[in-house]
């Protein structure tokens, strides 16, 4: 399995346009709580849905239960968020990429929880490319090494931040503001709003955890 798309129940205007995934081969859709309704509204029947479904009306629940074959309804009182559970389920498909949408906007605690969840899962699964996406942004956790960055006119601006610990020996190439063996300190905003000037560039660093955010204008 190459791609898993998780849709959670954040504000609708924050949802990445799901229709853009519809014609991709070898893709699985997972609905987390109200994200299952967003998928159905986009004409996509999720492979499975999970969560406590406390945000669904009786009509919504009836709609989901009639068309989705694999439903995992859990108790509302639990240690994990619905997005946590969906991420763990996504790993069972052995994907090359995982996309999460519907986790930004609205409640900031849920957004922070989602970032920390992908951080934990990314560390344990460095071979998987995990992204949080919405209508205007793409967020990734980068581990030490070299990471190719492809040009994308939708997400024109690229920013880099130290996450949990400073990022050392940072080299940026193919971008407007290149660096060689620099350090991204915790708390600095110096690496905000860079731009690719080539079709592809890269970031490399020797240690630390880097939060990369790509944004549209």
C-alpha atoms as a PDB file:
ATOM      1  CA  UNK A   1       0.000   0.000   0.000  1.00  0.00           C
ATOM      2  CA  UNK A   2       1.511   3.313  -1.015  1.00  0.00           C
ATOM      3  CA  UNK A   3      -0.758   6.016   0.495  1.00  0.00           C
ATOM      4  CA  UNK A   4      -3.140   6.283   3.449  1.00  0.00           C
ATOM      5  CA  UNK A   5      -5.272   9.403   3.873  1.00  0.00           C
ATOM      6  CA  UNK A   6      -6.747  10.096   7.305  1.00  0.00           C
ATOM      7  CA  UNK A   7      -9.545  12.623   7.531  1.00  0.00           C
ATOM      8  CA  UNK A   8     -10.443  13.897  10.986  1.00  0.00           C
ATOM      9  CA  UNK A   9     -13.283  16.161  12.039  1.00  0.00           C
ATOM     10  CA  UNK A  10     -11.729  19.627  12.147  1.00  0.00           C
ATOM     11  CA  UNK A  11     -13.429  22.707  10.636  1.00  0.00           C
ATOM     12  CA  UNK A  12     -14.551  22.109   7.059  1.00  0.00           C
ATOM     13  CA  UNK A  13     -12.715  25.130   5.611  1.00  0.00           C
ATOM     14  CA  UNK A  14      -9.434  23.643   6.886  1.00  0.00           C
ATOM     15  CA  UNK A  15      -9.905  20.330   5.061  1.00  0.00           C
ATOM     16  CA  UNK A  16      -7.538  19.646   2.160  1.00  0.00           C
ATOM     17  CA  UNK A  17      -9.573  19.183  -1.074  1.00  0.00           C
ATOM     18  CA  UNK A  18     -10.183  15.437  -0.827  1.00  0.00           C
ATOM     19  CA  UNK A  19     -11.189  15.179  -4.463  1.00  0.00           C
ATOM     20  CA  UNK A  20      -7.520  15.552  -5.414  1.00  0.00           C
ATOM     21  CA  UNK A  21      -6.859  12.091  -4.020  1.00  0.00           C
ATOM     22  CA  UNK A  22      -9.716  10.312  -5.801  1.00  0.00           C
ATOM     23  CA  UNK A  23      -7.851   9.240  -8.950  1.00  0.00           C
ATOM     24  CA  UNK A  24      -4.722   7.987  -7.176  1.00  0.00           C
ATOM     25  CA  UNK A  25      -4.179   4.245  -7.387  1.00  0.00           C
ATOM     26  CA  UNK A  26      -3.312   2.139  -4.337  1.00  0.00           C
ATOM     27  CA  UNK A  27      -4.788   4.488  -1.731  1.00  0.00           C
ATOM     28  CA  UNK A  28      -6.773   3.871   1.455  1.00  0.00           C
ATOM     29  CA  UNK A  29      -9.043   6.398   3.175  1.00  0.00           C
ATOM     30  CA  UNK A  30      -9.654   6.281   6.938  1.00  0.00           C
ATOM     31  CA  UNK A  31     -12.286   8.443   8.608  1.00  0.00           C
ATOM     32  CA  UNK A  32     -11.719   9.579  12.188  1.00  0.00           C
ATOM     33  CA  UNK A  33     -15.004  10.519  13.844  1.00  0.00           C
ATOM     34  CA  UNK A  34     -16.683  13.323  11.809  1.00  0.00           C
ATOM     35  CA  UNK A  35     -13.995  13.003   9.157  1.00  0.00           C
ATOM     36  CA  UNK A  36     -16.002  10.037   7.906  1.00  0.00           C
ATOM     37  CA  UNK A  37     -18.779  12.454   6.891  1.00  0.00           C
ATOM     38  CA  UNK A  38     -16.312  14.733   5.081  1.00  0.00           C
ATOM     39  CA  UNK A  39     -15.112  11.734   3.070  1.00  0.00           C
ATOM     40  CA  UNK A  40     -18.649  10.665   2.158  1.00  0.00           C
ATOM     41  CA  UNK A  41     -19.533  14.240   1.172  1.00  0.00           C
ATOM     42  CA  UNK A  42     -16.531  14.177  -1.197  1.00  0.00           C
ATOM     43  CA  UNK A  43     -17.848  11.020  -2.852  1.00  0.00           C
ATOM     44  CA  UNK A  44     -15.284   8.797  -1.109  1.00  0.00           C
ATOM     45  CA  UNK A  45     -16.256   5.686   0.846  1.00  0.00           C
ATOM     46  CA  UNK A  46     -13.586   5.136   3.501  1.00  0.00           C
ATOM     47  CA  UNK A  47     -12.000   1.722   3.892  1.00  0.00           C
ATOM     48  CA  UNK A  48     -12.710   2.026   7.586  1.00  0.00           C
ATOM     49  CA  UNK A  49     -13.774   4.560  10.199  1.00  0.00           C
ATOM     50  CA  UNK A  50     -13.044   4.795  13.896  1.00  0.00           C
ATOM     51  CA  UNK A  51     -13.587   6.967  16.926  1.00  0.00           C
ATOM     52  CA  UNK A  52     -16.190   7.574  19.587  1.00  0.00           C
ATOM     53  CA  UNK A  53     -18.404   9.310  16.984  1.00  0.00           C
ATOM     54  CA  UNK A  54     -19.749  11.698  19.602  1.00  0.00           C
ATOM     55  CA  UNK A  55     -19.862  14.487  17.000  1.00  0.00           C
ATOM     56  CA  UNK A  56     -22.185  12.582  14.647  1.00  0.00           C
ATOM     57  CA  UNK A  57     -25.940  13.038  14.689  1.00  0.00           C
ATOM     58  CA  UNK A  58     -28.213   9.980  14.476  1.00  0.00           C
ATOM     59  CA  UNK A  59     -28.691  10.749  10.778  1.00  0.00           C
ATOM     60  CA  UNK A  60     -24.913  10.972  10.237  1.00  0.00           C
ATOM     61  CA  UNK A  61     -24.317   7.697  12.077  1.00  0.00           C
ATOM     62  CA  UNK A  62     -26.992   5.945  10.036  1.00  0.00           C
ATOM     63  CA  UNK A  63     -25.380   7.201   6.845  1.00  0.00           C
ATOM     64  CA  UNK A  64     -21.935   5.946   7.851  1.00  0.00           C
ATOM     65  CA  UNK A  65     -23.084   2.576   9.170  1.00  0.00           C
ATOM     66  CA  UNK A  66     -24.926   1.783   5.933  1.00  0.00           C
ATOM     67  CA  UNK A  67     -21.951   2.181   3.584  1.00  0.00           C
ATOM     68  CA  UNK A  68     -18.740   1.598   5.576  1.00  0.00           C
ATOM     69  CA  UNK A  69     -17.866  -2.063   6.139  1.00  0.00           C
ATOM     70  CA  UNK A  70     -15.215  -1.641   8.830  1.00  0.00           C
ATOM     71  CA  UNK A  71     -16.316   0.472  11.808  1.00  0.00           C
ATOM     72  CA  UNK A  72     -14.409   0.630  15.086  1.00  0.00           C
ATOM     73  CA  UNK A  73     -16.485   2.458  17.676  1.00  0.00           C
ATOM     74  CA  UNK A  74     -14.545   3.172  20.871  1.00  0.00           C
ATOM     75  CA  UNK A  75     -15.449   4.658  24.232  1.00  0.00           C
ATOM     76  CA  UNK A  76     -15.286   8.428  24.600  1.00  0.00           C
ATOM     77  CA  UNK A  77     -13.209   8.012  27.789  1.00  0.00           C
ATOM     78  CA  UNK A  78      -9.830   6.917  26.398  1.00  0.00           C
ATOM     79  CA  UNK A  79      -6.178   7.900  26.517  1.00  0.00           C
ATOM     80  CA  UNK A  80      -5.750   8.296  22.747  1.00  0.00           C
ATOM     81  CA  UNK A  81      -7.374  10.850  20.467  1.00  0.00           C
ATOM     82  CA  UNK A  82      -9.348   9.605  17.471  1.00  0.00           C
ATOM     83  CA  UNK A  83      -6.494  10.829  15.270  1.00  0.00           C
ATOM     84  CA  UNK A  84      -4.016   8.762  17.332  1.00  0.00           C
ATOM     85  CA  UNK A  85      -6.089   5.663  16.732  1.00  0.00           C
ATOM     86  CA  UNK A  86      -6.362   6.422  13.020  1.00  0.00           C
ATOM     87  CA  UNK A  87      -2.576   6.844  12.747  1.00  0.00           C
ATOM     88  CA  UNK A  88      -1.978   3.480  14.382  1.00  0.00           C
ATOM     89  CA  UNK A  89      -4.510   1.889  12.053  1.00  0.00           C
ATOM     90  CA  UNK A  90      -2.818   3.508   9.052  1.00  0.00           C
ATOM     91  CA  UNK A  91       0.437   1.767   9.952  1.00  0.00           C
ATOM     92  CA  UNK A  92      -1.247  -1.616   9.502  1.00  0.00           C
ATOM     93  CA  UNK A  93      -1.428  -0.945   5.748  1.00  0.00           C
ATOM     94  CA  UNK A  94       2.383  -0.568   5.536  1.00  0.00           C
ATOM     95  CA  UNK A  95       2.163   2.717   3.585  1.00  0.00           C
ATOM     96  CA  UNK A  96       4.940   4.752   2.016  1.00  0.00           C
ATOM     97  CA  UNK A  97       2.998   7.957   2.781  1.00  0.00           C
ATOM     98  CA  UNK A  98       0.392   9.040   5.330  1.00  0.00           C
ATOM     99  CA  UNK A  99      -1.594  12.253   4.943  1.00  0.00           C
ATOM    100  CA  UNK A 100      -3.664  13.730   7.775  1.00  0.00           C
ATOM    101  CA  UNK A 101      -6.256  16.413   7.193  1.00  0.00           C
ATOM    102  CA  UNK A 102      -8.974  17.804   9.415  1.00  0.00           C
ATOM    103  CA  UNK A 103      -6.583  18.191  12.366  1.00  0.00           C
ATOM    104  CA  UNK A 104      -5.889  21.936  12.044  1.00  0.00           C
ATOM    105  CA  UNK A 105      -8.098  24.891  12.925  1.00  0.00           C
ATOM    106  CA  UNK A 106     -10.715  24.833  15.645  1.00  0.00           C
ATOM    107  CA  UNK A 107      -9.312  23.459  18.900  1.00  0.00           C
ATOM    108  CA  UNK A 108      -5.606  24.236  19.262  1.00  0.00           C
ATOM    109  CA  UNK A 109      -5.112  21.408  21.760  1.00  0.00           C
ATOM    110  CA  UNK A 110      -6.176  18.904  19.100  1.00  0.00           C
ATOM    111  CA  UNK A 111      -3.769  20.487  16.615  1.00  0.00           C
ATOM    112  CA  UNK A 112      -0.893  20.322  19.097  1.00  0.00           C
ATOM    113  CA  UNK A 113      -1.789  16.712  19.865  1.00  0.00           C
ATOM    114  CA  UNK A 114      -1.720  15.881  16.143  1.00  0.00           C
ATOM    115  CA  UNK A 115       1.762  17.372  15.687  1.00  0.00           C
ATOM    116  CA  UNK A 116       3.079  15.423  18.660  1.00  0.00           C
ATOM    117  CA  UNK A 117       1.438  12.271  17.358  1.00  0.00           C
ATOM    118  CA  UNK A 118       3.129  12.492  13.960  1.00  0.00           C
ATOM    119  CA  UNK A 119       6.408  13.277  15.731  1.00  0.00           C
ATOM    120  CA  UNK A 120       6.161  10.059  17.742  1.00  0.00           C
ATOM    121  CA  UNK A 121       5.058   7.933  14.787  1.00  0.00           C
ATOM    122  CA  UNK A 122       7.639   9.489  12.441  1.00  0.00           C
ATOM    123  CA  UNK A 123      10.462   8.707  14.857  1.00  0.00           C
ATOM    124  CA  UNK A 124       9.372   5.075  15.050  1.00  0.00           C
ATOM    125  CA  UNK A 125       8.805   4.827  11.286  1.00  0.00           C
ATOM    126  CA  UNK A 126      11.445   6.906   9.472  1.00  0.00           C
ATOM    127  CA  UNK A 127      10.720   5.100   6.185  1.00  0.00           C
ATOM    128  CA  UNK A 128       7.198   6.578   6.019  1.00  0.00           C
ATOM    129  CA  UNK A 129       6.550  10.133   4.850  1.00  0.00           C
ATOM    130  CA  UNK A 130       3.916  11.591   7.183  1.00  0.00           C
ATOM    131  CA  UNK A 131       2.256  14.935   6.468  1.00  0.00           C
ATOM    132  CA  UNK A 132      -0.430  17.119   8.020  1.00  0.00           C
ATOM    133  CA  UNK A 133      -2.163  19.016   5.231  1.00  0.00           C
ATOM    134  CA  UNK A 134      -4.947  21.538   4.969  1.00  0.00           C
ATOM    135  CA  UNK A 135      -6.141  23.969   2.320  1.00  0.00           C
ATOM    136  CA  UNK A 136      -3.107  26.266   2.761  1.00  0.00           C
ATOM    137  CA  UNK A 137      -0.337  24.329   4.514  1.00  0.00           C
ATOM    138  CA  UNK A 138       1.690  21.142   4.628  1.00  0.00           C
ATOM    139  CA  UNK A 139       3.543  20.129   7.809  1.00  0.00           C
ATOM    140  CA  UNK A 140       6.234  17.474   8.237  1.00  0.00           C
ATOM    141  CA  UNK A 141       8.591  16.291  10.950  1.00  0.00           C
ATOM    142  CA  UNK A 142      12.091  15.764   9.509  1.00  0.00           C
ATOM    143  CA  UNK A 143      14.675  13.500  11.117  1.00  0.00           C
ATOM    144  CA  UNK A 144      18.459  13.892  10.675  1.00  0.00           C
ATOM    145  CA  UNK A 145      19.682  13.245   7.141  1.00  0.00           C
ATOM    146  CA  UNK A 146      19.072  14.672   3.688  1.00  0.00           C
ATOM    147  CA  UNK A 147      15.540  15.485   2.508  1.00  0.00           C
ATOM    148  CA  UNK A 148      14.646  16.378  -1.084  1.00  0.00           C
ATOM    149  CA  UNK A 149      12.129  19.222  -1.471  1.00  0.00           C
ATOM    150  CA  UNK A 150      10.192  19.322  -4.743  1.00  0.00           C
ATOM    151  CA  UNK A 151       8.794  22.540  -6.154  1.00  0.00           C
ATOM    152  CA  UNK A 152       5.067  22.958  -5.530  1.00  0.00           C
ATOM    153  CA  UNK A 153       3.399  26.191  -6.603  1.00  0.00           C
ATOM    154  CA  UNK A 154       0.517  25.554  -4.213  1.00  0.00           C
ATOM    155  CA  UNK A 155       2.880  25.510  -1.219  1.00  0.00           C
ATOM    156  CA  UNK A 156       5.339  28.150  -2.316  1.00  0.00           C
ATOM    157  CA  UNK A 157       6.800  29.242   1.018  1.00  0.00           C
ATOM    158  CA  UNK A 158       8.952  26.946   3.155  1.00  0.00           C
ATOM    159  CA  UNK A 159       9.835  27.434   6.820  1.00  0.00           C
ATOM    160  CA  UNK A 160      11.970  25.402   9.180  1.00  0.00           C
ATOM    161  CA  UNK A 161      11.788  25.291  12.980  1.00  0.00           C
ATOM    162  CA  UNK A 162      13.603  23.367  15.696  1.00  0.00           C
ATOM    163  CA  UNK A 163      11.220  20.916  17.369  1.00  0.00           C
ATOM    164  CA  UNK A 164      12.083  19.705  20.867  1.00  0.00           C
ATOM    165  CA  UNK A 165      15.832  20.220  20.289  1.00  0.00           C
ATOM    166  CA  UNK A 166      18.022  22.443  18.124  1.00  0.00           C
ATOM    167  CA  UNK A 167      18.860  21.356  14.577  1.00  0.00           C
ATOM    168  CA  UNK A 168      22.572  21.318  13.782  1.00  0.00           C
ATOM    169  CA  UNK A 169      24.709  21.495  10.625  1.00  0.00           C
ATOM    170  CA  UNK A 170      21.794  22.670   8.496  1.00  0.00           C
ATOM    171  CA  UNK A 171      22.520  22.977   4.777  1.00  0.00           C
ATOM    172  CA  UNK A 172      19.862  24.323   2.405  1.00  0.00           C
ATOM    173  CA  UNK A 173      20.238  24.169  -1.376  1.00  0.00           C
ATOM    174  CA  UNK A 174      18.003  25.157  -4.293  1.00  0.00           C
ATOM    175  CA  UNK A 175      16.253  27.834  -2.228  1.00  0.00           C
ATOM    176  CA  UNK A 176      16.329  31.620  -2.222  1.00  0.00           C
ATOM    177  CA  UNK A 177      18.238  31.785   1.062  1.00  0.00           C
ATOM    178  CA  UNK A 178      20.830  29.001   1.172  1.00  0.00           C
ATOM    179  CA  UNK A 179      22.773  27.985   4.274  1.00  0.00           C
ATOM    180  CA  UNK A 180      25.779  25.802   5.013  1.00  0.00           C
ATOM    181  CA  UNK A 181      26.275  24.081   8.375  1.00  0.00           C
ATOM    182  CA  UNK A 182      24.008  26.509  10.237  1.00  0.00           C
ATOM    183  CA  UNK A 183      22.058  25.854  13.437  1.00  0.00           C
ATOM    184  CA  UNK A 184      18.327  26.275  13.939  1.00  0.00           C
ATOM    185  CA  UNK A 185      17.992  27.289  17.565  1.00  0.00           C
ATOM    186  CA  UNK A 186      14.870  26.591  19.579  1.00  0.00           C
ATOM    187  CA  UNK A 187      12.758  29.738  19.567  1.00  0.00           C
ATOM    188  CA  UNK A 188      14.281  31.346  16.469  1.00  0.00           C
ATOM    189  CA  UNK A 189      12.194  32.472  13.487  1.00  0.00           C
ATOM    190  CA  UNK A 190      15.202  33.104  11.238  1.00  0.00           C
ATOM    191  CA  UNK A 191      14.389  30.186   8.937  1.00  0.00           C
ATOM    192  CA  UNK A 192      10.859  31.377   8.129  1.00  0.00           C
ATOM    193  CA  UNK A 193       9.470  31.988   4.602  1.00  0.00           C
ATOM    194  CA  UNK A 194      12.138  30.632   2.298  1.00  0.00           C
ATOM    195  CA  UNK A 195      11.330  29.733  -1.321  1.00  0.00           C
ATOM    196  CA  UNK A 196      12.523  27.138  -3.823  1.00  0.00           C
ATOM    197  CA  UNK A 197      14.150  28.722  -6.876  1.00  0.00           C
ATOM    198  CA  UNK A 198      14.822  25.400  -8.636  1.00  0.00           C
ATOM    199  CA  UNK A 199      12.546  22.486  -9.469  1.00  0.00           C
ATOM    200  CA  UNK A 200      13.949  20.743  -6.431  1.00  0.00           C
ATOM    201  CA  UNK A 201      16.209  21.508  -3.514  1.00  0.00           C
ATOM    202  CA  UNK A 202      17.097  19.890  -0.236  1.00  0.00           C
ATOM    203  CA  UNK A 203      17.712  20.322   3.456  1.00  0.00           C
ATOM    204  CA  UNK A 204      20.282  18.249   5.312  1.00  0.00           C
ATOM    205  CA  UNK A 205      21.238  18.266   8.980  1.00  0.00           C
ATOM    206  CA  UNK A 206      23.187  16.027  11.331  1.00  0.00           C
ATOM    207  CA  UNK A 207      21.140  16.113  14.532  1.00  0.00           C
ATOM    208  CA  UNK A 208      17.923  17.426  16.031  1.00  0.00           C
ATOM    209  CA  UNK A 209      14.302  17.377  14.904  1.00  0.00           C
ATOM    210  CA  UNK A 210      13.081  19.815  12.242  1.00  0.00           C
ATOM    211  CA  UNK A 211       9.505  20.955  11.743  1.00  0.00           C
ATOM    212  CA  UNK A 212       9.025  21.917   8.081  1.00  0.00           C
ATOM    213  CA  UNK A 213       5.977  23.972   7.093  1.00  0.00           C
ATOM    214  CA  UNK A 214       5.126  24.663   3.449  1.00  0.00           C
ATOM    215  CA  UNK A 215       2.467  27.328   2.896  1.00  0.00           C
ATOM    216  CA  UNK A 216       0.512  29.120   0.198  1.00  0.00           C
ATOM    217  CA  UNK A 217       0.176  32.899   0.173  1.00  0.00           C
END
